Amino acid sequence: MGIERVDPLWSGVAELLGRGQCIEAIQLIRSAAPDLSLHGAVDYIQAVTDGQPAPDHVRSRLPQPPAERVVRWALSGPNPEPAA
Protein backbone atom coordinates (compact mmCIF):
# COMPACT_ATOMS: atom_id res chain seq x y z
CA MET A 1 0.00 0.00 0.00
CA GLY A 2 1.31 3.44 -0.81
CA ILE A 3 0.42 7.09 -1.16
CA GLU A 4 0.13 8.43 -4.68
CA ARG A 5 -0.64 12.00 -5.70
CA VAL A 6 -3.09 12.42 -8.53
CA ASP A 7 -3.20 15.97 -9.85
CA PRO A 8 -6.64 16.78 -11.26
CA LEU A 9 -5.40 20.16 -12.52
CA TRP A 10 -2.62 18.50 -14.55
CA SER A 11 -5.11 15.99 -15.98
CA GLY A 12 -7.64 18.68 -16.83
CA VAL A 13 -5.05 20.88 -18.54
CA ALA A 14 -3.68 17.92 -20.52
CA GLU A 15 -7.20 17.01 -21.65
CA LEU A 16 -8.00 20.56 -22.74
CA LEU A 17 -4.70 20.88 -24.58
CA GLY A 18 -5.36 17.56 -26.30
CA ARG A 19 -8.55 19.05 -27.69
CA GLY A 20 -6.77 22.24 -28.78
CA GLN A 21 -8.42 24.39 -26.11
CA CYS A 22 -5.42 26.42 -24.95
CA ILE A 23 -7.43 29.44 -23.75
CA GLU A 24 -9.65 27.20 -21.63
CA ALA A 25 -6.53 25.50 -20.19
CA ILE A 26 -5.14 28.91 -19.16
CA GLN A 27 -8.50 29.82 -17.61
CA LEU A 28 -8.53 26.54 -15.67
CA ILE A 29 -5.04 27.19 -14.30
CA ARG A 30 -5.83 30.80 -13.40
CA SER A 31 -9.05 29.75 -11.62
CA ALA A 32 -7.13 27.18 -9.56
CA ALA A 33 -4.42 29.71 -8.67
CA PRO A 34 -5.79 33.26 -8.99
CA ASP A 35 -2.49 34.85 -7.89
CA LEU A 36 -0.56 33.06 -10.66
CA SER A 37 0.48 35.36 -13.49
CA LEU A 38 -0.31 34.71 -17.13
CA HIS A 39 3.38 33.94 -17.65
CA GLY A 40 3.18 31.36 -14.84
CA ALA A 41 0.14 29.75 -16.46
CA VAL A 42 2.01 29.52 -19.77
CA ASP A 43 4.99 27.96 -17.95
CA TYR A 44 2.61 25.37 -16.46
CA ILE A 45 1.18 24.59 -19.90
CA GLN A 46 4.70 24.19 -21.28
CA ALA A 47 5.53 21.76 -18.46
CA VAL A 48 2.38 19.72 -19.18
CA THR A 49 3.13 19.53 -22.91
CA ASP A 50 6.74 18.52 -22.18
CA GLY A 51 5.66 15.95 -19.57
CA GLN A 52 7.82 17.67 -16.96
CA PRO A 53 7.00 18.83 -13.42
CA ALA A 54 5.82 22.41 -13.11
CA PRO A 55 8.59 24.92 -12.32
CA ASP A 56 9.03 25.78 -8.63
CA HIS A 57 7.79 29.36 -9.03
CA VAL A 58 4.53 27.97 -10.47
CA ARG A 59 4.16 24.93 -8.21
CA SER A 60 4.40 27.06 -5.06
CA ARG A 61 1.23 28.95 -6.08
CA LEU A 62 -0.84 25.91 -7.08
CA PRO A 63 -3.08 23.92 -4.74
CA GLN A 64 -1.62 20.59 -3.68
CA PRO A 65 -3.27 17.57 -5.28
CA PRO A 66 -5.10 15.29 -2.86
CA ALA A 67 -3.27 12.26 -1.53
CA GLU A 68 -4.99 9.02 -2.42
CA ARG A 69 -4.30 5.65 -0.96
CA VAL A 70 -3.61 3.05 -3.58
CA VAL A 71 -4.43 -0.50 -2.57
CA ARG A 72 -3.36 -3.40 -4.75
CA TRP A 73 -4.94 -6.80 -4.20
CA ALA A 74 -3.43 -10.04 -5.41
CA LEU A 75 -6.18 -11.70 -7.39
CA SER A 76 -4.48 -15.06 -7.71
CA GLY A 77 -3.94 -15.75 -4.00
CA PRO A 78 -6.36 -17.31 -1.51
CA ASN A 79 -8.89 -15.13 0.24
CA PRO A 80 -8.04 -15.17 3.98
CA GLU A 81 -10.84 -16.19 6.32
CA PRO A 82 -11.66 -13.72 9.11
CA ALA A 83 -10.44 -14.78 12.56
CA ALA A 84 -13.26 -15.92 14.84
C-alpha atoms as a PDB file:
ATOM      1  CA  MET A   1       0.000   0.000   0.000  1.00  0.00           C
ATOM      2  CA  GLY A   2       1.311   3.441  -0.807  1.00  0.00           C
ATOM      3  CA  ILE A   3       0.419   7.087  -1.160  1.00  0.00           C
ATOM      4  CA  GLU A   4       0.131   8.431  -4.676  1.00  0.00           C
ATOM      5  CA  ARG A   5      -0.644  12.001  -5.700  1.00  0.00           C
ATOM      6  CA  VAL A   6      -3.091  12.418  -8.532  1.00  0.00           C
ATOM      7  CA  ASP A   7      -3.198  15.967  -9.853  1.00  0.00           C
ATOM      8  CA  PRO A   8      -6.637  16.780 -11.256  1.00  0.00           C
ATOM      9  CA  LEU A   9      -5.399  20.160 -12.522  1.00  0.00           C
ATOM     10  CA  TRP A  10      -2.624  18.496 -14.548  1.00  0.00           C
ATOM     11  CA  SER A  11      -5.106  15.992 -15.978  1.00  0.00           C
ATOM     12  CA  GLY A  12      -7.638  18.685 -16.828  1.00  0.00           C
ATOM     13  CA  VAL A  13      -5.055  20.877 -18.536  1.00  0.00           C
ATOM     14  CA  ALA A  14      -3.683  17.924 -20.517  1.00  0.00           C
ATOM     15  CA  GLU A  15      -7.201  17.005 -21.648  1.00  0.00           C
ATOM     16  CA  LEU A  16      -7.997  20.563 -22.738  1.00  0.00           C
ATOM     17  CA  LEU A  17      -4.695  20.882 -24.585  1.00  0.00           C
ATOM     18  CA  GLY A  18      -5.355  17.564 -26.301  1.00  0.00           C
ATOM     19  CA  ARG A  19      -8.553  19.049 -27.686  1.00  0.00           C
ATOM     20  CA  GLY A  20      -6.770  22.235 -28.778  1.00  0.00           C
ATOM     21  CA  GLN A  21      -8.420  24.385 -26.109  1.00  0.00           C
ATOM     22  CA  CYS A  22      -5.417  26.417 -24.950  1.00  0.00           C
ATOM     23  CA  ILE A  23      -7.427  29.440 -23.755  1.00  0.00           C
ATOM     24  CA  GLU A  24      -9.649  27.199 -21.632  1.00  0.00           C
ATOM     25  CA  ALA A  25      -6.532  25.505 -20.192  1.00  0.00           C
ATOM     26  CA  ILE A  26      -5.142  28.906 -19.162  1.00  0.00           C
ATOM     27  CA  GLN A  27      -8.503  29.816 -17.613  1.00  0.00           C
ATOM     28  CA  LEU A  28      -8.533  26.545 -15.666  1.00  0.00           C
ATOM     29  CA  ILE A  29      -5.040  27.191 -14.304  1.00  0.00           C
ATOM     30  CA  ARG A  30      -5.831  30.800 -13.396  1.00  0.00           C
ATOM     31  CA  SER A  31      -9.049  29.751 -11.622  1.00  0.00           C
ATOM     32  CA  ALA A  32      -7.128  27.177  -9.563  1.00  0.00           C
ATOM     33  CA  ALA A  33      -4.418  29.708  -8.671  1.00  0.00           C
ATOM     34  CA  PRO A  34      -5.785  33.264  -8.986  1.00  0.00           C
ATOM     35  CA  ASP A  35      -2.492  34.852  -7.893  1.00  0.00           C
ATOM     36  CA  LEU A  36      -0.556  33.059 -10.656  1.00  0.00           C
ATOM     37  CA  SER A  37       0.482  35.357 -13.491  1.00  0.00           C
ATOM     38  CA  LEU A  38      -0.312  34.705 -17.127  1.00  0.00           C
ATOM     39  CA  HIS A  39       3.384  33.936 -17.651  1.00  0.00           C
ATOM     40  CA  GLY A  40       3.183  31.356 -14.840  1.00  0.00           C
ATOM     41  CA  ALA A  41       0.143  29.749 -16.461  1.00  0.00           C
ATOM     42  CA  VAL A  42       2.011  29.525 -19.765  1.00  0.00           C
ATOM     43  CA  ASP A  43       4.991  27.963 -17.948  1.00  0.00           C
ATOM     44  CA  TYR A  44       2.612  25.373 -16.460  1.00  0.00           C
ATOM     45  CA  ILE A  45       1.176  24.585 -19.897  1.00  0.00           C
ATOM     46  CA  GLN A  46       4.699  24.190 -21.276  1.00  0.00           C
ATOM     47  CA  ALA A  47       5.528  21.756 -18.463  1.00  0.00           C
ATOM     48  CA  VAL A  48       2.379  19.721 -19.182  1.00  0.00           C
ATOM     49  CA  THR A  49       3.132  19.534 -22.906  1.00  0.00           C
ATOM     50  CA  ASP A  50       6.745  18.518 -22.176  1.00  0.00           C
ATOM     51  CA  GLY A  51       5.664  15.950 -19.571  1.00  0.00           C
ATOM     52  CA  GLN A  52       7.824  17.670 -16.958  1.00  0.00           C
ATOM     53  CA  PRO A  53       7.004  18.833 -13.423  1.00  0.00           C
ATOM     54  CA  ALA A  54       5.821  22.414 -13.108  1.00  0.00           C
ATOM     55  CA  PRO A  55       8.586  24.921 -12.323  1.00  0.00           C
ATOM     56  CA  ASP A  56       9.027  25.776  -8.633  1.00  0.00           C
ATOM     57  CA  HIS A  57       7.790  29.363  -9.031  1.00  0.00           C
ATOM     58  CA  VAL A  58       4.529  27.973 -10.471  1.00  0.00           C
ATOM     59  CA  ARG A  59       4.161  24.930  -8.207  1.00  0.00           C
ATOM     60  CA  SER A  60       4.397  27.064  -5.056  1.00  0.00           C
ATOM     61  CA  ARG A  61       1.230  28.946  -6.082  1.00  0.00           C
ATOM     62  CA  LEU A  62      -0.837  25.910  -7.081  1.00  0.00           C
ATOM     63  CA  PRO A  63      -3.080  23.923  -4.737  1.00  0.00           C
ATOM     64  CA  GLN A  64      -1.618  20.587  -3.677  1.00  0.00           C
ATOM     65  CA  PRO A  65      -3.268  17.569  -5.276  1.00  0.00           C
ATOM     66  CA  PRO A  66      -5.101  15.291  -2.865  1.00  0.00           C
ATOM     67  CA  ALA A  67      -3.265  12.264  -1.534  1.00  0.00           C
ATOM     68  CA  GLU A  68      -4.990   9.025  -2.420  1.00  0.00           C
ATOM     69  CA  ARG A  69      -4.297   5.653  -0.955  1.00  0.00           C
ATOM     70  CA  VAL A  70      -3.609   3.054  -3.580  1.00  0.00           C
ATOM     71  CA  VAL A  71      -4.426  -0.500  -2.569  1.00  0.00           C
ATOM     72  CA  ARG A  72      -3.358  -3.400  -4.747  1.00  0.00           C
ATOM     73  CA  TRP A  73      -4.944  -6.804  -4.195  1.00  0.00           C
ATOM     74  CA  ALA A  74      -3.432 -10.041  -5.408  1.00  0.00           C
ATOM     75  CA  LEU A  75      -6.182 -11.705  -7.392  1.00  0.00           C
ATOM     76  CA  SER A  76      -4.476 -15.062  -7.713  1.00  0.00           C
ATOM     77  CA  GLY A  77      -3.942 -15.750  -4.001  1.00  0.00           C
ATOM     78  CA  PRO A  78      -6.358 -17.309  -1.513  1.00  0.00           C
ATOM     79  CA  ASN A  79      -8.887 -15.130   0.241  1.00  0.00           C
ATOM     80  CA  PRO A  80      -8.039 -15.174   3.979  1.00  0.00           C
ATOM     81  CA  GLU A  81     -10.837 -16.188   6.324  1.00  0.00           C
ATOM     82  CA  PRO A  82     -11.657 -13.721   9.111  1.00  0.00           C
ATOM     83  CA  ALA A  83     -10.438 -14.779  12.565  1.00  0.00           C
ATOM     84  CA  ALA A  84     -13.264 -15.916  14.840  1.00  0.00           C
END
